[in-house]
């Protein structure tokens, strides 16, 4: 990981992922000229060694990472919730549309130009903060969901479907008292005080795209 630190503190840090050394150097120069703190990485594995918690990831789409959808899911698995701007050489229109639908904030055509990067960042900074909040909530929710046992997960799934304790007991072939025990354990592990909060967390964990 190479790091370039600048004095400007009111701009989001940029994290650039590109397997091409020349591409990383060129992007770093552009970022410097715009007054950004910039860190560059060879791939997502290198990024994961020091997971960033603030800023925007700008990632080369055709860098052997399986595309934006795969990369975003990998970032989620790594617990990295920062938003992503994709970049690629001569991208076909359908590829740009697919990346945006998948969750990329924007798509930059390479070689990345200074003015184009500046316009993209100016336009997406507010949305980037919203995306960061959304992705962080989803990742934290998923992390808590992993604490649940299979039975506790089944109880929560049925709660999400609007089932009462009696209905859950009937569906799972257990007693209502046992359902109450699983429900209590589930809420303790999720660190919530109400079933509605557990349901909301489950819905957050299962979301892939940002509404609106």
N, C-alpha and C. Protein backbone atom coordinates (compact mmCIF):
# COMPACT_ATOMS: atom_id res chain seq x y z
N UNK A 1 0.84 -1.19 0.00
CA UNK A 1 0.00 0.00 0.00
C UNK A 1 0.88 1.24 0.00
N UNK A 2 0.64 2.13 -0.93
CA UNK A 2 1.37 3.39 -1.00
C UNK A 2 0.44 4.49 -0.53
N UNK A 3 0.97 5.43 0.23
CA UNK A 3 0.12 6.47 0.80
C UNK A 3 0.66 7.85 0.48
N UNK A 4 -0.22 8.75 0.07
CA UNK A 4 0.14 10.13 -0.19
C UNK A 4 -0.76 10.99 0.68
N UNK A 5 -0.19 11.69 1.64
CA UNK A 5 -0.97 12.47 2.58
C UNK A 5 -0.83 13.94 2.27
N UNK A 6 -1.95 14.62 2.18
CA UNK A 6 -1.96 16.03 1.86
C UNK A 6 -2.56 16.83 3.00
N UNK A 7 -2.37 18.14 2.96
CA UNK A 7 -2.81 19.00 4.06
C UNK A 7 -4.31 19.19 4.10
N UNK A 8 -4.98 19.05 2.95
CA UNK A 8 -6.41 19.31 2.91
C UNK A 8 -7.17 18.30 3.74
N UNK A 9 -7.96 18.77 4.72
CA UNK A 9 -8.66 17.87 5.62
C UNK A 9 -10.15 17.83 5.36
N UNK A 10 -10.65 18.67 4.45
CA UNK A 10 -12.09 18.74 4.22
C UNK A 10 -12.52 17.93 3.01
N UNK A 11 -11.67 17.08 2.52
CA UNK A 11 -12.00 16.24 1.38
C UNK A 11 -11.91 14.77 1.78
N UNK A 12 -12.78 13.96 1.19
CA UNK A 12 -12.78 12.54 1.51
C UNK A 12 -11.50 11.88 1.00
N UNK A 13 -10.89 11.00 1.80
CA UNK A 13 -9.74 10.23 1.33
C UNK A 13 -10.16 9.34 0.15
N UNK A 14 -9.27 9.15 -0.78
CA UNK A 14 -9.52 8.28 -1.93
C UNK A 14 -8.65 7.04 -1.80
N UNK A 15 -9.27 5.87 -2.06
CA UNK A 15 -8.56 4.60 -2.00
C UNK A 15 -8.65 3.97 -3.39
N UNK A 16 -7.54 3.96 -4.11
CA UNK A 16 -7.55 3.54 -5.52
C UNK A 16 -7.00 2.12 -5.65
N UNK A 17 -7.79 1.24 -6.27
CA UNK A 17 -7.40 -0.17 -6.44
C UNK A 17 -7.18 -0.45 -7.92
N UNK A 18 -5.95 -0.81 -8.27
CA UNK A 18 -5.60 -1.06 -9.67
C UNK A 18 -4.33 -1.91 -9.70
N UNK A 19 -4.36 -3.03 -10.41
CA UNK A 19 -3.20 -3.90 -10.50
C UNK A 19 -2.08 -3.36 -11.36
N UNK A 20 -2.33 -2.24 -12.05
CA UNK A 20 -1.34 -1.65 -12.94
C UNK A 20 -0.56 -0.55 -12.22
N UNK A 21 0.75 -0.73 -12.11
CA UNK A 21 1.59 0.23 -11.38
C UNK A 21 1.50 1.63 -11.98
N UNK A 22 1.56 1.70 -13.29
CA UNK A 22 1.48 3.00 -13.96
C UNK A 22 0.14 3.67 -13.69
N UNK A 23 -0.93 2.87 -13.73
CA UNK A 23 -2.25 3.42 -13.46
C UNK A 23 -2.35 3.98 -12.06
N UNK A 24 -1.76 3.28 -11.08
CA UNK A 24 -1.78 3.77 -9.70
C UNK A 24 -1.03 5.08 -9.57
N UNK A 25 0.13 5.15 -10.23
CA UNK A 25 0.94 6.38 -10.15
C UNK A 25 0.21 7.55 -10.79
N UNK A 26 -0.42 7.32 -11.92
CA UNK A 26 -1.14 8.40 -12.60
C UNK A 26 -2.31 8.89 -11.76
N UNK A 27 -3.04 7.96 -11.17
CA UNK A 27 -4.17 8.36 -10.34
C UNK A 27 -3.70 9.14 -9.12
N UNK A 28 -2.62 8.69 -8.50
CA UNK A 28 -2.09 9.39 -7.32
C UNK A 28 -1.72 10.82 -7.65
N UNK A 29 -1.13 11.04 -8.82
CA UNK A 29 -0.76 12.39 -9.23
C UNK A 29 -1.99 13.27 -9.39
N UNK A 30 -3.03 12.72 -10.00
CA UNK A 30 -4.27 13.48 -10.19
C UNK A 30 -4.89 13.80 -8.83
N UNK A 31 -4.95 12.81 -7.96
CA UNK A 31 -5.52 13.03 -6.63
C UNK A 31 -4.76 14.11 -5.88
N UNK A 32 -3.43 14.09 -5.98
CA UNK A 32 -2.60 15.10 -5.33
C UNK A 32 -2.93 16.49 -5.86
N UNK A 33 -3.08 16.59 -7.16
CA UNK A 33 -3.35 17.90 -7.76
C UNK A 33 -4.70 18.46 -7.34
N UNK A 34 -5.61 17.57 -6.93
CA UNK A 34 -6.93 18.01 -6.48
C UNK A 34 -6.99 18.20 -4.96
N UNK A 35 -5.86 17.94 -4.29
CA UNK A 35 -5.80 18.16 -2.86
C UNK A 35 -6.33 17.05 -1.99
N UNK A 36 -6.36 15.82 -2.51
CA UNK A 36 -6.90 14.69 -1.76
C UNK A 36 -5.80 13.87 -1.11
N UNK A 37 -6.15 13.29 0.03
CA UNK A 37 -5.34 12.22 0.60
C UNK A 37 -5.63 10.98 -0.24
N UNK A 38 -4.58 10.31 -0.69
CA UNK A 38 -4.78 9.16 -1.59
C UNK A 38 -3.94 7.98 -1.15
N UNK A 39 -4.56 6.80 -1.13
CA UNK A 39 -3.85 5.56 -0.91
C UNK A 39 -4.14 4.63 -2.07
N UNK A 40 -3.13 3.93 -2.55
CA UNK A 40 -3.32 3.06 -3.71
C UNK A 40 -2.98 1.62 -3.34
N UNK A 41 -3.70 0.69 -3.98
CA UNK A 41 -3.59 -0.73 -3.65
C UNK A 41 -3.54 -1.55 -4.93
N UNK A 42 -2.83 -2.65 -4.86
CA UNK A 42 -2.73 -3.55 -6.01
C UNK A 42 -4.02 -4.32 -6.23
N UNK A 43 -4.67 -4.74 -5.14
CA UNK A 43 -5.91 -5.51 -5.24
C UNK A 43 -6.68 -5.41 -3.93
N UNK A 44 -7.83 -6.08 -3.87
CA UNK A 44 -8.67 -6.01 -2.68
C UNK A 44 -8.02 -6.69 -1.48
N UNK A 45 -7.18 -7.68 -1.72
CA UNK A 45 -6.50 -8.35 -0.61
C UNK A 45 -5.56 -7.38 0.10
N UNK A 46 -4.90 -6.55 -0.68
CA UNK A 46 -4.01 -5.54 -0.07
C UNK A 46 -4.83 -4.49 0.67
N UNK A 47 -5.96 -4.11 0.09
CA UNK A 47 -6.85 -3.16 0.76
C UNK A 47 -7.31 -3.72 2.10
N UNK A 48 -7.58 -5.03 2.13
CA UNK A 48 -8.10 -5.67 3.34
C UNK A 48 -7.07 -5.74 4.46
N UNK A 49 -5.79 -5.60 4.13
CA UNK A 49 -4.76 -5.65 5.16
C UNK A 49 -4.87 -4.47 6.12
N UNK A 50 -5.32 -3.34 5.61
CA UNK A 50 -5.54 -2.14 6.43
C UNK A 50 -6.88 -1.55 6.03
N UNK A 51 -8.00 -2.17 6.46
CA UNK A 51 -9.33 -1.75 5.99
C UNK A 51 -9.61 -0.28 6.27
N UNK A 52 -9.87 0.51 5.24
CA UNK A 52 -10.18 1.93 5.46
C UNK A 52 -11.56 2.09 6.06
N UNK A 53 -11.74 3.12 6.84
CA UNK A 53 -13.02 3.39 7.49
C UNK A 53 -13.62 4.72 7.06
N UNK A 54 -12.94 5.42 6.16
CA UNK A 54 -13.43 6.72 5.74
C UNK A 54 -12.98 6.98 4.31
N UNK A 55 -13.87 7.56 3.52
CA UNK A 55 -13.50 7.93 2.15
C UNK A 55 -14.28 7.19 1.09
N UNK A 56 -13.71 7.16 -0.11
CA UNK A 56 -14.33 6.51 -1.27
C UNK A 56 -13.31 5.58 -1.92
N UNK A 57 -13.75 4.38 -2.30
CA UNK A 57 -12.91 3.45 -3.04
C UNK A 57 -13.15 3.66 -4.53
N UNK A 58 -12.08 3.88 -5.27
CA UNK A 58 -12.16 3.95 -6.73
C UNK A 58 -11.44 2.73 -7.26
N UNK A 59 -12.15 1.90 -7.99
CA UNK A 59 -11.67 0.56 -8.31
C UNK A 59 -11.74 0.29 -9.80
N UNK A 60 -10.65 -0.22 -10.34
CA UNK A 60 -10.64 -0.60 -11.75
C UNK A 60 -11.54 -1.82 -11.95
N UNK A 61 -12.53 -1.67 -12.81
CA UNK A 61 -13.55 -2.71 -13.00
C UNK A 61 -13.00 -3.94 -13.70
N UNK A 62 -12.07 -3.74 -14.63
CA UNK A 62 -11.53 -4.85 -15.41
C UNK A 62 -10.15 -5.26 -14.90
N UNK A 63 -10.09 -5.48 -13.58
CA UNK A 63 -8.81 -5.76 -12.94
C UNK A 63 -8.74 -7.18 -12.38
N UNK A 64 -9.51 -8.09 -13.02
CA UNK A 64 -9.49 -9.47 -12.57
C UNK A 64 -10.20 -9.70 -11.25
N UNK A 65 -11.11 -8.77 -10.85
CA UNK A 65 -11.80 -8.89 -9.57
C UNK A 65 -13.24 -9.36 -9.75
N UNK A 66 -13.61 -9.74 -10.98
CA UNK A 66 -14.94 -10.29 -11.20
C UNK A 66 -16.03 -9.26 -11.37
N UNK A 67 -15.67 -8.01 -11.59
CA UNK A 67 -16.68 -6.98 -11.79
C UNK A 67 -17.10 -6.33 -10.49
N UNK A 68 -17.91 -5.27 -10.62
CA UNK A 68 -18.30 -4.47 -9.47
C UNK A 68 -19.13 -5.28 -8.47
N UNK A 69 -20.08 -6.08 -8.96
CA UNK A 69 -20.94 -6.85 -8.05
C UNK A 69 -20.12 -7.77 -7.16
N UNK A 70 -19.18 -8.50 -7.76
CA UNK A 70 -18.34 -9.41 -7.00
C UNK A 70 -17.45 -8.65 -6.02
N UNK A 71 -16.90 -7.52 -6.49
CA UNK A 71 -16.03 -6.72 -5.63
C UNK A 71 -16.78 -6.15 -4.43
N UNK A 72 -18.01 -5.67 -4.66
CA UNK A 72 -18.79 -5.13 -3.56
C UNK A 72 -19.12 -6.20 -2.53
N UNK A 73 -19.44 -7.38 -2.99
CA UNK A 73 -19.73 -8.47 -2.05
C UNK A 73 -18.46 -8.86 -1.29
N UNK A 74 -17.33 -8.86 -1.98
CA UNK A 74 -16.05 -9.15 -1.30
C UNK A 74 -15.77 -8.10 -0.23
N UNK A 75 -16.01 -6.84 -0.55
CA UNK A 75 -15.81 -5.77 0.43
C UNK A 75 -16.71 -5.98 1.64
N UNK A 76 -17.95 -6.39 1.39
CA UNK A 76 -18.88 -6.66 2.48
C UNK A 76 -18.36 -7.79 3.37
N UNK A 77 -17.86 -8.85 2.75
CA UNK A 77 -17.31 -9.97 3.50
C UNK A 77 -16.10 -9.55 4.33
N UNK A 78 -15.35 -8.57 3.82
CA UNK A 78 -14.17 -8.08 4.51
C UNK A 78 -14.53 -7.04 5.59
N UNK A 79 -15.81 -6.67 5.66
CA UNK A 79 -16.23 -5.67 6.64
C UNK A 79 -15.87 -4.26 6.25
N UNK A 80 -15.72 -4.03 4.94
CA UNK A 80 -15.39 -2.69 4.44
C UNK A 80 -16.64 -2.09 3.84
N UNK A 81 -17.12 -1.00 4.41
CA UNK A 81 -18.42 -0.46 4.02
C UNK A 81 -18.33 0.79 3.15
N UNK A 82 -17.15 1.18 2.70
CA UNK A 82 -17.03 2.41 1.92
C UNK A 82 -17.68 2.26 0.54
N UNK A 83 -18.21 3.35 0.00
CA UNK A 83 -18.82 3.31 -1.33
C UNK A 83 -17.75 3.18 -2.41
N UNK A 84 -18.19 2.78 -3.60
CA UNK A 84 -17.26 2.48 -4.69
C UNK A 84 -17.60 3.28 -5.95
N UNK A 85 -16.57 3.83 -6.57
CA UNK A 85 -16.67 4.37 -7.93
C UNK A 85 -15.86 3.43 -8.82
N UNK A 86 -16.47 2.94 -9.88
CA UNK A 86 -15.78 2.01 -10.79
C UNK A 86 -15.06 2.79 -11.90
N UNK A 87 -14.07 2.15 -12.50
CA UNK A 87 -13.34 2.75 -13.61
C UNK A 87 -12.92 1.64 -14.58
N UNK A 88 -12.94 1.94 -15.86
CA UNK A 88 -12.55 0.94 -16.85
C UNK A 88 -12.22 1.58 -18.19
N UNK A 89 -11.48 0.85 -19.00
CA UNK A 89 -11.08 1.34 -20.33
C UNK A 89 -12.15 1.00 -21.36
N UNK A 90 -12.62 2.02 -22.05
CA UNK A 90 -13.62 1.87 -23.12
C UNK A 90 -14.77 0.94 -22.69
N UNK A 91 -15.42 1.23 -21.57
CA UNK A 91 -16.50 0.35 -21.09
C UNK A 91 -17.71 0.41 -22.00
N UNK A 92 -18.32 -0.72 -22.27
CA UNK A 92 -19.57 -0.75 -23.03
C UNK A 92 -20.67 -0.14 -22.18
N UNK A 93 -21.64 0.52 -22.82
CA UNK A 93 -22.72 1.15 -22.06
C UNK A 93 -23.41 0.20 -21.08
N UNK A 94 -23.65 -1.06 -21.51
CA UNK A 94 -24.34 -1.98 -20.61
C UNK A 94 -23.51 -2.29 -19.37
N UNK A 95 -22.18 -2.23 -19.51
CA UNK A 95 -21.32 -2.50 -18.36
C UNK A 95 -21.41 -1.37 -17.34
N UNK A 96 -21.50 -0.14 -17.84
CA UNK A 96 -21.65 1.01 -16.95
C UNK A 96 -22.98 0.92 -16.21
N UNK A 97 -24.03 0.63 -16.96
CA UNK A 97 -25.37 0.51 -16.35
C UNK A 97 -25.38 -0.59 -15.30
N UNK A 98 -24.77 -1.71 -15.62
CA UNK A 98 -24.73 -2.83 -14.69
C UNK A 98 -24.00 -2.45 -13.40
N UNK A 99 -22.88 -1.72 -13.54
CA UNK A 99 -22.11 -1.31 -12.37
C UNK A 99 -22.91 -0.38 -11.47
N UNK A 100 -23.61 0.57 -12.09
CA UNK A 100 -24.41 1.52 -11.32
C UNK A 100 -25.56 0.80 -10.63
N UNK A 101 -26.22 -0.11 -11.36
CA UNK A 101 -27.33 -0.86 -10.75
C UNK A 101 -26.84 -1.72 -9.59
N UNK A 102 -25.63 -2.22 -9.71
CA UNK A 102 -25.06 -3.07 -8.67
C UNK A 102 -24.76 -2.29 -7.40
N UNK A 103 -24.49 -0.98 -7.55
CA UNK A 103 -24.22 -0.18 -6.37
C UNK A 103 -23.08 0.80 -6.48
N UNK A 104 -22.40 0.87 -7.64
CA UNK A 104 -21.33 1.84 -7.82
C UNK A 104 -21.91 3.26 -7.86
N UNK A 105 -21.21 4.20 -7.26
CA UNK A 105 -21.67 5.59 -7.27
C UNK A 105 -21.58 6.20 -8.66
N UNK A 106 -20.55 5.82 -9.40
CA UNK A 106 -20.29 6.41 -10.71
C UNK A 106 -19.36 5.47 -11.46
N UNK A 107 -19.16 5.78 -12.75
CA UNK A 107 -18.25 4.98 -13.57
C UNK A 107 -17.35 5.93 -14.36
N UNK A 108 -16.04 5.84 -14.12
CA UNK A 108 -15.08 6.70 -14.80
C UNK A 108 -14.43 5.96 -15.95
N UNK A 109 -14.31 6.63 -17.08
CA UNK A 109 -13.60 6.04 -18.22
C UNK A 109 -12.11 6.30 -18.08
N UNK A 110 -11.31 5.26 -18.28
CA UNK A 110 -9.86 5.38 -18.18
C UNK A 110 -9.27 5.69 -19.56
N UNK A 111 -8.16 6.46 -19.61
CA UNK A 111 -7.45 7.01 -18.46
C UNK A 111 -8.27 8.10 -17.76
N UNK A 112 -8.22 8.09 -16.45
CA UNK A 112 -9.02 9.04 -15.66
C UNK A 112 -8.47 10.45 -15.82
N UNK A 113 -9.34 11.37 -16.15
CA UNK A 113 -8.94 12.76 -16.33
C UNK A 113 -9.26 13.56 -15.08
N UNK A 114 -8.43 14.55 -14.82
CA UNK A 114 -8.56 15.36 -13.61
C UNK A 114 -9.94 16.01 -13.50
N UNK A 115 -10.39 16.66 -14.55
CA UNK A 115 -11.68 17.36 -14.50
C UNK A 115 -12.83 16.39 -14.30
N UNK A 116 -12.76 15.25 -14.96
CA UNK A 116 -13.82 14.25 -14.85
C UNK A 116 -13.88 13.70 -13.43
N UNK A 117 -12.72 13.45 -12.83
CA UNK A 117 -12.67 12.95 -11.47
C UNK A 117 -13.25 13.99 -10.51
N UNK A 118 -12.87 15.24 -10.71
CA UNK A 118 -13.37 16.31 -9.84
C UNK A 118 -14.89 16.43 -9.92
N UNK A 119 -15.43 16.37 -11.12
CA UNK A 119 -16.89 16.46 -11.28
C UNK A 119 -17.58 15.28 -10.61
N UNK A 120 -17.00 14.10 -10.78
CA UNK A 120 -17.60 12.90 -10.18
C UNK A 120 -17.63 13.00 -8.66
N UNK A 121 -16.52 13.42 -8.08
CA UNK A 121 -16.43 13.53 -6.62
C UNK A 121 -17.36 14.62 -6.09
N UNK A 122 -17.44 15.73 -6.81
CA UNK A 122 -18.31 16.82 -6.37
C UNK A 122 -19.77 16.38 -6.39
N UNK A 123 -20.12 15.58 -7.39
CA UNK A 123 -21.51 15.14 -7.55
C UNK A 123 -21.89 14.03 -6.58
N UNK A 124 -20.94 13.21 -6.20
CA UNK A 124 -21.27 12.00 -5.45
C UNK A 124 -20.90 12.06 -3.97
N UNK A 125 -20.26 13.13 -3.52
CA UNK A 125 -19.81 13.18 -2.12
C UNK A 125 -20.96 13.02 -1.14
N UNK A 126 -22.06 13.75 -1.37
CA UNK A 126 -23.20 13.64 -0.46
C UNK A 126 -23.79 12.23 -0.48
N UNK A 127 -23.90 11.67 -1.68
CA UNK A 127 -24.43 10.31 -1.79
C UNK A 127 -23.47 9.31 -1.15
N UNK A 128 -22.16 9.58 -1.26
CA UNK A 128 -21.17 8.68 -0.68
C UNK A 128 -21.37 8.55 0.82
N UNK A 129 -21.71 9.64 1.49
CA UNK A 129 -21.94 9.59 2.93
C UNK A 129 -23.17 8.74 3.24
N UNK A 130 -24.20 8.86 2.41
CA UNK A 130 -25.41 8.06 2.61
C UNK A 130 -25.12 6.58 2.38
N UNK A 131 -24.36 6.29 1.33
CA UNK A 131 -24.02 4.91 1.02
C UNK A 131 -23.16 4.31 2.13
N UNK A 132 -22.23 5.09 2.65
CA UNK A 132 -21.37 4.61 3.73
C UNK A 132 -22.22 4.21 4.94
N UNK A 133 -23.17 5.06 5.30
CA UNK A 133 -24.04 4.77 6.43
C UNK A 133 -24.85 3.50 6.19
N UNK A 134 -25.38 3.37 4.97
CA UNK A 134 -26.19 2.20 4.62
C UNK A 134 -25.36 0.92 4.66
N UNK A 135 -24.21 0.94 3.99
CA UNK A 135 -23.37 -0.26 3.92
C UNK A 135 -22.84 -0.65 5.30
N UNK A 136 -22.51 0.36 6.11
CA UNK A 136 -22.02 0.06 7.45
C UNK A 136 -23.11 -0.61 8.28
N UNK A 137 -24.33 -0.09 8.20
CA UNK A 137 -25.45 -0.70 8.94
C UNK A 137 -25.67 -2.13 8.49
N UNK A 138 -25.61 -2.36 7.18
CA UNK A 138 -25.84 -3.70 6.65
C UNK A 138 -24.77 -4.67 7.11
N UNK A 139 -23.50 -4.24 7.04
CA UNK A 139 -22.41 -5.12 7.44
C UNK A 139 -22.47 -5.42 8.93
N UNK A 140 -22.76 -4.40 9.74
CA UNK A 140 -22.87 -4.63 11.18
C UNK A 140 -24.03 -5.57 11.50
N UNK A 141 -25.14 -5.42 10.77
CA UNK A 141 -26.29 -6.30 10.97
C UNK A 141 -25.93 -7.74 10.59
N UNK A 142 -25.23 -7.91 9.48
CA UNK A 142 -24.82 -9.25 9.06
C UNK A 142 -23.89 -9.89 10.08
N UNK A 143 -22.99 -9.08 10.64
CA UNK A 143 -22.06 -9.60 11.64
C UNK A 143 -22.80 -10.14 12.86
N UNK A 144 -23.83 -9.41 13.29
CA UNK A 144 -24.62 -9.87 14.44
C UNK A 144 -25.43 -11.10 14.09
N UNK A 145 -25.95 -11.16 12.86
CA UNK A 145 -26.76 -12.31 12.45
C UNK A 145 -25.94 -13.60 12.50
N UNK A 146 -24.66 -13.51 12.28
CA UNK A 146 -23.81 -14.69 12.28
C UNK A 146 -23.70 -15.32 13.67
N UNK A 147 -24.06 -14.56 14.70
CA UNK A 147 -23.99 -15.07 16.07
C UNK A 147 -25.14 -16.04 16.38
N UNK A 148 -26.20 -15.98 15.58
CA UNK A 148 -27.39 -16.76 15.87
C UNK A 148 -27.21 -18.24 15.55
N UNK A 149 -27.83 -19.08 16.34
CA UNK A 149 -27.87 -20.51 16.02
C UNK A 149 -28.87 -20.72 14.88
N UNK A 150 -28.86 -21.91 14.30
CA UNK A 150 -29.79 -22.20 13.22
C UNK A 150 -31.25 -22.03 13.68
N UNK A 151 -31.55 -22.50 14.87
CA UNK A 151 -32.92 -22.41 15.36
C UNK A 151 -33.31 -20.96 15.65
N UNK A 152 -32.40 -20.20 16.22
CA UNK A 152 -32.67 -18.79 16.47
C UNK A 152 -32.90 -18.03 15.16
N UNK A 153 -32.13 -18.42 14.14
CA UNK A 153 -32.32 -17.81 12.83
C UNK A 153 -33.68 -18.15 12.24
N UNK A 154 -34.12 -19.39 12.45
CA UNK A 154 -35.44 -19.79 11.96
C UNK A 154 -36.55 -19.01 12.65
N UNK A 155 -36.40 -18.83 13.96
CA UNK A 155 -37.40 -18.05 14.70
C UNK A 155 -37.46 -16.62 14.17
N UNK A 156 -36.29 -16.04 13.92
CA UNK A 156 -36.26 -14.66 13.41
C UNK A 156 -36.88 -14.58 12.02
N UNK A 157 -36.58 -15.55 11.17
CA UNK A 157 -37.17 -15.56 9.81
C UNK A 157 -38.69 -15.58 9.89
N UNK A 158 -39.23 -16.36 10.80
CA UNK A 158 -40.68 -16.45 10.93
C UNK A 158 -41.27 -15.17 11.55
N UNK A 159 -40.52 -14.53 12.43
CA UNK A 159 -40.94 -13.24 12.95
C UNK A 159 -41.02 -12.20 11.84
N UNK A 160 -40.03 -12.24 10.94
CA UNK A 160 -40.02 -11.33 9.80
C UNK A 160 -41.26 -11.53 8.94
N UNK A 161 -41.72 -12.77 8.87
CA UNK A 161 -42.93 -13.09 8.09
C UNK A 161 -44.23 -12.84 8.87
N UNK A 162 -44.10 -12.22 10.04
CA UNK A 162 -45.29 -11.82 10.78
C UNK A 162 -45.92 -12.91 11.64
N UNK A 163 -45.19 -13.99 11.90
CA UNK A 163 -45.75 -15.10 12.67
C UNK A 163 -45.72 -14.79 14.17
N UNK A 164 -46.73 -15.25 14.89
CA UNK A 164 -46.78 -15.14 16.34
C UNK A 164 -45.99 -16.28 16.96
N UNK A 165 -45.75 -16.22 18.27
CA UNK A 165 -45.04 -17.30 18.95
C UNK A 165 -45.73 -18.64 18.76
N UNK A 166 -47.07 -18.64 18.87
CA UNK A 166 -47.81 -19.89 18.71
C UNK A 166 -47.66 -20.44 17.30
N UNK A 167 -47.72 -19.55 16.31
CA UNK A 167 -47.57 -20.00 14.92
C UNK A 167 -46.16 -20.50 14.66
N UNK A 168 -45.17 -19.84 15.24
CA UNK A 168 -43.78 -20.28 15.08
C UNK A 168 -43.60 -21.66 15.71
N UNK A 169 -44.18 -21.83 16.90
CA UNK A 169 -44.08 -23.12 17.58
C UNK A 169 -44.68 -24.23 16.72
N UNK A 170 -45.83 -23.96 16.11
CA UNK A 170 -46.48 -24.95 15.26
C UNK A 170 -45.64 -25.25 14.02
N UNK A 171 -45.10 -24.21 13.40
CA UNK A 171 -44.30 -24.40 12.19
C UNK A 171 -43.02 -25.19 12.46
N UNK A 172 -42.41 -24.95 13.62
CA UNK A 172 -41.13 -25.60 13.92
C UNK A 172 -41.30 -26.89 14.73
N UNK A 173 -42.52 -27.17 15.16
CA UNK A 173 -42.76 -28.39 15.92
C UNK A 173 -42.17 -28.35 17.31
N UNK A 174 -42.18 -27.17 17.94
CA UNK A 174 -41.67 -27.02 19.30
C UNK A 174 -42.73 -26.31 20.14
N UNK A 175 -42.49 -26.23 21.44
CA UNK A 175 -43.47 -25.59 22.30
C UNK A 175 -43.34 -24.07 22.25
N UNK A 176 -44.42 -23.33 22.55
CA UNK A 176 -44.35 -21.87 22.61
C UNK A 176 -43.30 -21.39 23.61
N UNK A 177 -43.14 -22.14 24.74
CA UNK A 177 -42.13 -21.76 25.72
C UNK A 177 -40.73 -21.85 25.13
N UNK A 178 -40.49 -22.88 24.32
CA UNK A 178 -39.18 -23.02 23.68
C UNK A 178 -38.96 -21.89 22.68
N UNK A 179 -40.00 -21.49 21.99
CA UNK A 179 -39.91 -20.35 21.07
C UNK A 179 -39.50 -19.10 21.83
N UNK A 180 -40.11 -18.90 23.01
CA UNK A 180 -39.79 -17.73 23.82
C UNK A 180 -38.32 -17.74 24.23
N UNK A 181 -37.79 -18.92 24.55
CA UNK A 181 -36.38 -19.03 24.94
C UNK A 181 -35.48 -18.68 23.76
N UNK A 182 -35.78 -19.26 22.60
CA UNK A 182 -34.97 -18.96 21.41
C UNK A 182 -35.07 -17.47 21.06
N UNK A 183 -36.26 -16.92 21.18
CA UNK A 183 -36.47 -15.51 20.86
C UNK A 183 -35.68 -14.61 21.81
N UNK A 184 -35.67 -14.96 23.08
CA UNK A 184 -34.91 -14.18 24.06
C UNK A 184 -33.41 -14.26 23.79
N UNK A 185 -32.93 -15.47 23.51
CA UNK A 185 -31.50 -15.64 23.20
C UNK A 185 -31.12 -14.88 21.94
N UNK A 186 -32.01 -14.93 20.94
CA UNK A 186 -31.76 -14.23 19.68
C UNK A 186 -31.64 -12.73 19.90
N UNK A 187 -32.53 -12.16 20.69
CA UNK A 187 -32.51 -10.72 20.94
C UNK A 187 -31.28 -10.31 21.74
N UNK A 188 -30.85 -11.18 22.66
CA UNK A 188 -29.64 -10.90 23.43
C UNK A 188 -28.42 -10.86 22.53
N UNK A 189 -28.30 -11.83 21.61
CA UNK A 189 -27.16 -11.88 20.70
C UNK A 189 -27.16 -10.69 19.73
N UNK A 190 -28.33 -10.26 19.33
CA UNK A 190 -28.43 -9.12 18.41
C UNK A 190 -28.33 -7.79 19.14
N UNK A 191 -28.36 -7.84 20.46
CA UNK A 191 -28.25 -6.63 21.30
C UNK A 191 -29.39 -5.66 21.03
N UNK A 192 -30.60 -6.20 20.98
CA UNK A 192 -31.79 -5.38 20.79
C UNK A 192 -32.79 -5.67 21.91
N UNK A 193 -33.67 -4.70 22.17
CA UNK A 193 -34.61 -4.87 23.26
C UNK A 193 -36.01 -5.24 22.83
N UNK A 194 -36.27 -5.17 21.53
CA UNK A 194 -37.62 -5.46 21.03
C UNK A 194 -37.54 -6.32 19.77
N UNK A 195 -38.56 -7.12 19.58
CA UNK A 195 -38.61 -7.99 18.39
C UNK A 195 -38.61 -7.16 17.12
N UNK A 196 -39.25 -5.99 17.16
CA UNK A 196 -39.30 -5.13 15.97
C UNK A 196 -37.90 -4.70 15.55
N UNK A 197 -37.04 -4.45 16.54
CA UNK A 197 -35.66 -4.06 16.23
C UNK A 197 -34.90 -5.22 15.59
N UNK A 198 -35.16 -6.44 16.05
CA UNK A 198 -34.53 -7.62 15.47
C UNK A 198 -34.98 -7.82 14.03
N UNK A 199 -36.27 -7.61 13.78
CA UNK A 199 -36.80 -7.74 12.42
C UNK A 199 -36.16 -6.69 11.51
N UNK A 200 -36.07 -5.47 12.00
CA UNK A 200 -35.46 -4.40 11.21
C UNK A 200 -34.00 -4.72 10.88
N UNK A 201 -33.27 -5.26 11.85
CA UNK A 201 -31.88 -5.61 11.63
C UNK A 201 -31.75 -6.73 10.59
N UNK A 202 -32.67 -7.69 10.64
CA UNK A 202 -32.67 -8.78 9.66
C UNK A 202 -32.90 -8.23 8.26
N UNK A 203 -33.82 -7.30 8.12
CA UNK A 203 -34.10 -6.70 6.82
C UNK A 203 -32.89 -5.90 6.32
N UNK A 204 -32.21 -5.21 7.23
CA UNK A 204 -31.01 -4.47 6.85
C UNK A 204 -29.92 -5.43 6.36
N UNK A 205 -29.76 -6.55 7.05
CA UNK A 205 -28.72 -7.52 6.69
C UNK A 205 -28.97 -8.13 5.33
N UNK A 206 -30.25 -8.26 4.94
CA UNK A 206 -30.59 -8.93 3.69
C UNK A 206 -30.63 -7.99 2.49
N UNK A 207 -30.53 -6.70 2.73
CA UNK A 207 -30.61 -5.75 1.61
C UNK A 207 -29.32 -5.75 0.82
N UNK A 208 -29.47 -5.64 -0.51
CA UNK A 208 -28.31 -5.56 -1.40
C UNK A 208 -28.17 -4.19 -2.04
N UNK A 209 -29.30 -3.57 -2.29
CA UNK A 209 -29.26 -2.30 -2.99
C UNK A 209 -29.86 -1.20 -2.13
N UNK A 210 -29.48 0.01 -2.39
CA UNK A 210 -30.00 1.15 -1.66
C UNK A 210 -31.26 1.64 -2.32
N UNK A 211 -32.32 1.76 -1.54
CA UNK A 211 -33.57 2.24 -2.09
C UNK A 211 -33.49 3.72 -2.33
N UNK A 212 -34.04 4.14 -3.47
CA UNK A 212 -34.07 5.57 -3.78
C UNK A 212 -32.72 6.08 -4.08
